[in-house]
Amino acid sequence: MPRPDIYFIRHGETDWNREGRLQGQMDIPINTRGRGQALRNGDMLATLIGEATGVDFVSSPLARTRQTMEIVRAAMDLPAEGYRLDARLRELAFGDWEGRTWSDLKRDCREAVRHRRGDIFNFVPPGGESYAEAIRRVADWLSGIERTTVAVAHGGIMRCLIGLVRGLDEHEIPLLECPQDRVLMITAETVGLV
């Protein structure tokens, strides 16, 4: 049986995105630009999906994804609250690095940043998790999809999902593009951004 269609959206921009801060699992709200991105993605979904009867809507439990989902649903003329949460879609945890910029880390944690550059996929920040760990929970989520699904989550999760459906080498996954103003469409015919 072919996998149902998936429409995946990364949450809208936050002030921490703009500042280059690692958010991980910190609960940071979307900003004005992020709300515009969510609205654009909701309009795109309304065009792609049309009538949303029978579509499953699922979000990471973090505030920025819930805010994005509610804007998306409003753009589709759907009630804001008609979605469920799934903790497997929460962002990769950056642990002690959350809230810091790469400039900070290159200055203060030079050896750890060098080690991460050598193997981004398997590197675990202090108190955090690796892409290798996160991809297992994304694979578990993906295996349970039974109907057309709209998901709102995070950049790291988007990279894991693309890596899984395209069968990419693990070292390619952390380097994938994950825009906040596009919809990742996964169907039997295509895996791409619209």
C-alpha atoms as a PDB file:
ATOM      1  CA  MET A   1       0.000   0.000   0.000  1.00  0.00           C
ATOM      2  CA  PRO A   2       1.493   3.402  -0.957  1.00  0.00           C
ATOM      3  CA  ARG A   3       2.200   5.919   1.791  1.00  0.00           C
ATOM      4  CA  PRO A   4      -0.460   8.657   2.093  1.00  0.00           C
ATOM      5  CA  ASP A   5       0.445  12.203   1.025  1.00  0.00           C
ATOM      6  CA  ILE A   6       2.260  14.355   3.583  1.00  0.00           C
ATOM      7  CA  TYR A   7       2.370  18.150   3.625  1.00  0.00           C
ATOM      8  CA  PHE A   8       5.066  19.297   6.041  1.00  0.00           C
ATOM      9  CA  ILE A   9       5.599  22.886   7.181  1.00  0.00           C
ATOM     10  CA  ARG A  10       8.406  24.281   9.276  1.00  0.00           C
ATOM     11  CA  HIS A  11       7.156  26.770  11.870  1.00  0.00           C
ATOM     12  CA  GLY A  12       7.259  30.458  10.995  1.00  0.00           C
ATOM     13  CA  GLU A  13      10.254  32.608  11.839  1.00  0.00           C
ATOM     14  CA  THR A  14      10.976  33.520  15.460  1.00  0.00           C
ATOM     15  CA  ASP A  15      13.151  36.325  16.780  1.00  0.00           C
ATOM     16  CA  TRP A  16      15.691  33.664  17.737  1.00  0.00           C
ATOM     17  CA  ASN A  17      15.769  32.426  14.121  1.00  0.00           C
ATOM     18  CA  ARG A  18      16.490  35.972  13.002  1.00  0.00           C
ATOM     19  CA  GLU A  19      19.232  36.341  15.638  1.00  0.00           C
ATOM     20  CA  GLY A  20      20.802  32.979  14.727  1.00  0.00           C
ATOM     21  CA  ARG A  21      20.147  31.469  18.167  1.00  0.00           C
ATOM     22  CA  LEU A  22      19.774  27.722  18.612  1.00  0.00           C
ATOM     23  CA  GLN A  23      16.207  27.138  19.767  1.00  0.00           C
ATOM     24  CA  GLY A  24      16.042  23.391  20.103  1.00  0.00           C
ATOM     25  CA  GLN A  25      13.213  22.640  22.481  1.00  0.00           C
ATOM     26  CA  MET A  26      12.931  26.133  23.978  1.00  0.00           C
ATOM     27  CA  ASP A  27       9.407  27.519  23.635  1.00  0.00           C
ATOM     28  CA  ILE A  28       9.933  30.620  21.490  1.00  0.00           C
ATOM     29  CA  PRO A  29       6.931  32.290  19.748  1.00  0.00           C
ATOM     30  CA  ILE A  30       6.819  33.194  16.067  1.00  0.00           C
ATOM     31  CA  ASN A  31       7.253  36.831  15.090  1.00  0.00           C
ATOM     32  CA  THR A  32       5.405  39.038  12.580  1.00  0.00           C
ATOM     33  CA  ARG A  33       7.358  37.649   9.633  1.00  0.00           C
ATOM     34  CA  GLY A  34       6.675  34.125  10.901  1.00  0.00           C
ATOM     35  CA  ARG A  35       2.945  34.812  10.982  1.00  0.00           C
ATOM     36  CA  GLY A  36       3.138  35.953   7.352  1.00  0.00           C
ATOM     37  CA  GLN A  37       5.025  32.783   6.394  1.00  0.00           C
ATOM     38  CA  ALA A  38       2.401  30.649   8.137  1.00  0.00           C
ATOM     39  CA  LEU A  39      -0.390  32.478   6.299  1.00  0.00           C
ATOM     40  CA  ARG A  40       1.375  31.947   2.953  1.00  0.00           C
ATOM     41  CA  ASN A  41       1.760  28.243   3.701  1.00  0.00           C
ATOM     42  CA  GLY A  42      -1.886  27.959   4.725  1.00  0.00           C
ATOM     43  CA  ASP A  43      -2.945  29.580   1.446  1.00  0.00           C
ATOM     44  CA  MET A  44      -0.701  27.159  -0.453  1.00  0.00           C
ATOM     45  CA  LEU A  45      -2.212  24.169   1.384  1.00  0.00           C
ATOM     46  CA  ALA A  46      -5.723  25.371   0.609  1.00  0.00           C
ATOM     47  CA  THR A  47      -4.750  25.296  -3.067  1.00  0.00           C
ATOM     48  CA  LEU A  48      -2.938  21.939  -2.890  1.00  0.00           C
ATOM     49  CA  ILE A  49      -5.443  20.043  -0.757  1.00  0.00           C
ATOM     50  CA  GLY A  50      -8.734  21.800  -1.378  1.00  0.00           C
ATOM     51  CA  GLU A  51     -11.385  20.213   0.852  1.00  0.00           C
ATOM     52  CA  ALA A  52      -9.587  18.977   3.992  1.00  0.00           C
ATOM     53  CA  THR A  53     -12.123  16.298   4.926  1.00  0.00           C
ATOM     54  CA  GLY A  54     -10.320  13.254   6.306  1.00  0.00           C
ATOM     55  CA  VAL A  55      -6.943  15.020   6.519  1.00  0.00           C
ATOM     56  CA  ASP A  56      -4.970  14.516   9.731  1.00  0.00           C
ATOM     57  CA  PHE A  57      -3.429  17.700  11.183  1.00  0.00           C
ATOM     58  CA  VAL A  58      -0.553  17.183  13.628  1.00  0.00           C
ATOM     59  CA  SER A  59       1.936  19.540  15.262  1.00  0.00           C
ATOM     60  CA  SER A  60       4.979  19.472  17.474  1.00  0.00           C
ATOM     61  CA  PRO A  61       3.891  20.516  20.992  1.00  0.00           C
ATOM     62  CA  LEU A  62       6.108  23.631  21.029  1.00  0.00           C
ATOM     63  CA  ALA A  63       4.399  27.050  20.913  1.00  0.00           C
ATOM     64  CA  ARG A  64       5.948  28.171  17.622  1.00  0.00           C
ATOM     65  CA  THR A  65       4.565  25.151  15.800  1.00  0.00           C
ATOM     66  CA  ARG A  66       1.142  25.390  17.417  1.00  0.00           C
ATOM     67  CA  GLN A  67       0.924  29.082  16.487  1.00  0.00           C
ATOM     68  CA  THR A  68       1.918  28.258  12.913  1.00  0.00           C
ATOM     69  CA  MET A  69      -0.613  25.418  12.695  1.00  0.00           C
ATOM     70  CA  GLU A  70      -3.458  27.617  13.911  1.00  0.00           C
ATOM     71  CA  ILE A  71      -2.658  30.297  11.308  1.00  0.00           C
ATOM     72  CA  VAL A  72      -2.402  27.625   8.600  1.00  0.00           C
ATOM     73  CA  ARG A  73      -5.766  26.180   9.575  1.00  0.00           C
ATOM     74  CA  ALA A  74      -7.410  29.619   9.650  1.00  0.00           C
ATOM     75  CA  ALA A  75      -6.091  30.277   6.116  1.00  0.00           C
ATOM     76  CA  MET A  76      -7.751  27.007   5.089  1.00  0.00           C
ATOM     77  CA  ASP A  77     -11.068  28.130   6.670  1.00  0.00           C
ATOM     78  CA  LEU A  78     -10.742  25.502   9.391  1.00  0.00           C
ATOM     79  CA  PRO A  79     -11.189  25.950  13.160  1.00  0.00           C
ATOM     80  CA  ALA A  80      -7.882  26.700  14.893  1.00  0.00           C
ATOM     81  CA  GLU A  81      -8.115  23.878  17.431  1.00  0.00           C
ATOM     82  CA  GLY A  82      -8.730  20.962  15.045  1.00  0.00           C
ATOM     83  CA  TYR A  83      -5.303  19.331  15.256  1.00  0.00           C
ATOM     84  CA  ARG A  84      -3.390  17.006  17.551  1.00  0.00           C
ATOM     85  CA  LEU A  85       0.083  17.172  19.123  1.00  0.00           C
ATOM     86  CA  ASP A  86       2.834  14.598  18.736  1.00  0.00           C
ATOM     87  CA  ALA A  87       5.982  14.853  20.868  1.00  0.00           C
ATOM     88  CA  ARG A  88       7.959  12.856  18.274  1.00  0.00           C
ATOM     89  CA  LEU A  89       7.868  15.996  16.104  1.00  0.00           C
ATOM     90  CA  ARG A  90       9.549  18.289  18.645  1.00  0.00           C
ATOM     91  CA  GLU A  91      12.827  19.833  17.509  1.00  0.00           C
ATOM     92  CA  LEU A  92      16.226  18.265  18.130  1.00  0.00           C
ATOM     93  CA  ALA A  93      17.376  19.160  21.623  1.00  0.00           C
ATOM     94  CA  PHE A  94      20.506  21.330  21.686  1.00  0.00           C
ATOM     95  CA  GLY A  95      20.744  21.024  25.477  1.00  0.00           C
ATOM     96  CA  ASP A  96      23.192  23.481  27.007  1.00  0.00           C
ATOM     97  CA  TRP A  97      23.620  25.177  23.633  1.00  0.00           C
ATOM     98  CA  GLU A  98      20.010  26.367  23.411  1.00  0.00           C
ATOM     99  CA  GLY A  99      19.746  30.137  23.346  1.00  0.00           C
ATOM    100  CA  ARG A 100      23.316  30.566  22.117  1.00  0.00           C
ATOM    101  CA  THR A 101      24.545  31.641  18.683  1.00  0.00           C
ATOM    102  CA  TRP A 102      27.144  29.819  16.597  1.00  0.00           C
ATOM    103  CA  SER A 103      29.472  32.791  17.161  1.00  0.00           C
ATOM    104  CA  ASP A 104      29.175  32.269  20.921  1.00  0.00           C
ATOM    105  CA  LEU A 105      29.815  28.557  20.581  1.00  0.00           C
ATOM    106  CA  LYS A 106      32.808  28.967  18.244  1.00  0.00           C
ATOM    107  CA  ARG A 107      34.331  31.297  20.828  1.00  0.00           C
ATOM    108  CA  ASP A 108      33.417  29.384  24.018  1.00  0.00           C
ATOM    109  CA  CYS A 109      33.183  25.745  22.897  1.00  0.00           C
ATOM    110  CA  ARG A 110      35.747  25.587  20.118  1.00  0.00           C
ATOM    111  CA  GLU A 111      36.677  21.912  20.531  1.00  0.00           C
ATOM    112  CA  ALA A 112      33.050  20.722  20.671  1.00  0.00           C
ATOM    113  CA  VAL A 113      32.149  22.771  17.585  1.00  0.00           C
ATOM    114  CA  ARG A 114      35.135  21.281  15.750  1.00  0.00           C
ATOM    115  CA  HIS A 115      34.030  17.785  16.765  1.00  0.00           C
ATOM    116  CA  ARG A 116      30.479  18.521  15.555  1.00  0.00           C
ATOM    117  CA  ARG A 117      31.776  19.699  12.174  1.00  0.00           C
ATOM    118  CA  GLY A 118      33.474  16.315  11.768  1.00  0.00           C
ATOM    119  CA  ASP A 119      30.210  14.356  12.189  1.00  0.00           C
ATOM    120  CA  ILE A 120      27.107  16.560  12.460  1.00  0.00           C
ATOM    121  CA  PHE A 121      24.725  13.600  12.182  1.00  0.00           C
ATOM    122  CA  ASN A 122      26.045  11.746  15.245  1.00  0.00           C
ATOM    123  CA  PHE A 123      27.242  14.661  17.382  1.00  0.00           C
ATOM    124  CA  VAL A 124      25.394  15.135  20.686  1.00  0.00           C
ATOM    125  CA  PRO A 125      25.563  18.648  22.204  1.00  0.00           C
ATOM    126  CA  PRO A 126      25.955  18.658  26.008  1.00  0.00           C
ATOM    127  CA  GLY A 127      22.531  17.701  27.385  1.00  0.00           C
ATOM    128  CA  GLY A 128      21.059  17.462  23.866  1.00  0.00           C
ATOM    129  CA  GLU A 129      20.518  14.873  21.163  1.00  0.00           C
ATOM    130  CA  SER A 130      21.950  13.993  17.778  1.00  0.00           C
ATOM    131  CA  TYR A 131      20.293  13.791  14.384  1.00  0.00           C
ATOM    132  CA  ALA A 132      20.833  10.017  14.676  1.00  0.00           C
ATOM    133  CA  GLU A 133      18.610   9.977  17.768  1.00  0.00           C
ATOM    134  CA  ALA A 134      15.983  12.343  16.339  1.00  0.00           C
ATOM    135  CA  ILE A 135      15.654  10.463  13.063  1.00  0.00           C
ATOM    136  CA  ARG A 136      14.504   7.365  14.962  1.00  0.00           C
ATOM    137  CA  ARG A 137      11.508   9.192  16.405  1.00  0.00           C
ATOM    138  CA  VAL A 138      10.710  10.743  13.015  1.00  0.00           C
ATOM    139  CA  ALA A 139      10.855   7.275  11.430  1.00  0.00           C
ATOM    140  CA  ASP A 140       8.496   5.986  14.112  1.00  0.00           C
ATOM    141  CA  TRP A 141       6.065   8.845  13.391  1.00  0.00           C
ATOM    142  CA  LEU A 142       6.345   8.319   9.627  1.00  0.00           C
ATOM    143  CA  SER A 143       5.605   4.596   9.909  1.00  0.00           C
ATOM    144  CA  GLY A 144       2.273   5.325  11.591  1.00  0.00           C
ATOM    145  CA  ILE A 145       0.828   7.686   8.964  1.00  0.00           C
ATOM    146  CA  GLU A 146      -2.365   6.173   7.602  1.00  0.00           C
ATOM    147  CA  ARG A 147      -4.017   9.093   5.790  1.00  0.00           C
ATOM    148  CA  THR A 148      -3.183  12.395   4.145  1.00  0.00           C
ATOM    149  CA  THR A 149      -1.386  14.424   6.800  1.00  0.00           C
ATOM    150  CA  VAL A 150      -0.486  18.066   7.356  1.00  0.00           C
ATOM    151  CA  ALA A 151       2.343  18.356   9.879  1.00  0.00           C
ATOM    152  CA  VAL A 152       3.932  21.453  11.387  1.00  0.00           C
ATOM    153  CA  ALA A 153       7.267  20.970  13.089  1.00  0.00           C
ATOM    154  CA  HIS A 154      10.883  22.153  12.917  1.00  0.00           C
ATOM    155  CA  GLY A 155      13.891  22.456  10.631  1.00  0.00           C
ATOM    156  CA  GLY A 156      15.765  19.503  12.091  1.00  0.00           C
ATOM    157  CA  ILE A 157      12.678  17.325  11.836  1.00  0.00           C
ATOM    158  CA  MET A 158      12.127  18.439   8.230  1.00  0.00           C
ATOM    159  CA  ARG A 159      15.693  17.396   7.397  1.00  0.00           C
ATOM    160  CA  CYS A 160      15.170  13.992   9.029  1.00  0.00           C
ATOM    161  CA  LEU A 161      11.911  13.466   7.143  1.00  0.00           C
ATOM    162  CA  ILE A 162      13.451  14.345   3.773  1.00  0.00           C
ATOM    163  CA  GLY A 163      16.404  12.093   4.533  1.00  0.00           C
ATOM    164  CA  LEU A 164      14.127   9.172   5.339  1.00  0.00           C
ATOM    165  CA  VAL A 165      11.809   9.451   2.328  1.00  0.00           C
ATOM    166  CA  ARG A 166      14.680  10.074  -0.106  1.00  0.00           C
ATOM    167  CA  GLY A 167      16.964   7.458   1.459  1.00  0.00           C
ATOM    168  CA  LEU A 168      19.817   9.956   1.808  1.00  0.00           C
ATOM    169  CA  ASP A 169      23.225   9.311   3.282  1.00  0.00           C
ATOM    170  CA  GLU A 170      23.273  10.394   6.931  1.00  0.00           C
ATOM    171  CA  HIS A 171      25.940  13.023   6.296  1.00  0.00           C
ATOM    172  CA  GLU A 172      23.698  14.828   3.765  1.00  0.00           C
ATOM    173  CA  ILE A 173      20.724  15.146   6.118  1.00  0.00           C
ATOM    174  CA  PRO A 174      21.940  17.938   8.460  1.00  0.00           C
ATOM    175  CA  LEU A 175      22.850  20.092   5.440  1.00  0.00           C
ATOM    176  CA  LEU A 176      19.425  20.044   3.743  1.00  0.00           C
ATOM    177  CA  GLU A 177      17.476  23.232   3.042  1.00  0.00           C
ATOM    178  CA  CYS A 178      14.515  23.759   5.392  1.00  0.00           C
ATOM    179  CA  PRO A 179      12.736  27.037   4.555  1.00  0.00           C
ATOM    180  CA  GLN A 180       9.985  28.495   6.694  1.00  0.00           C
ATOM    181  CA  ASP A 181       8.016  29.913   3.789  1.00  0.00           C
ATOM    182  CA  ARG A 182       7.502  26.740   1.730  1.00  0.00           C
ATOM    183  CA  VAL A 183       5.513  23.526   2.024  1.00  0.00           C
ATOM    184  CA  LEU A 184       7.329  20.200   1.728  1.00  0.00           C
ATOM    185  CA  MET A 185       5.063  17.963  -0.341  1.00  0.00           C
ATOM    186  CA  ILE A 186       5.618  14.195  -0.173  1.00  0.00           C
ATOM    187  CA  THR A 187       3.488  12.170  -2.562  1.00  0.00           C
ATOM    188  CA  ALA A 188       3.964   8.993  -4.585  1.00  0.00           C
ATOM    189  CA  GLU A 189       5.203  11.171  -7.467  1.00  0.00           C
ATOM    190  CA  THR A 190       7.258  13.861  -5.747  1.00  0.00           C
ATOM    191  CA  VAL A 191       9.241  14.955  -2.720  1.00  0.00           C
ATOM    192  CA  GLY A 192       9.775  18.670  -3.005  1.00  0.00           C
ATOM    193  CA  LEU A 193       9.149  22.195  -1.797  1.00  0.00           C
ATOM    194  CA  VAL A 194       6.239  24.244  -3.129  1.00  0.00           C
END
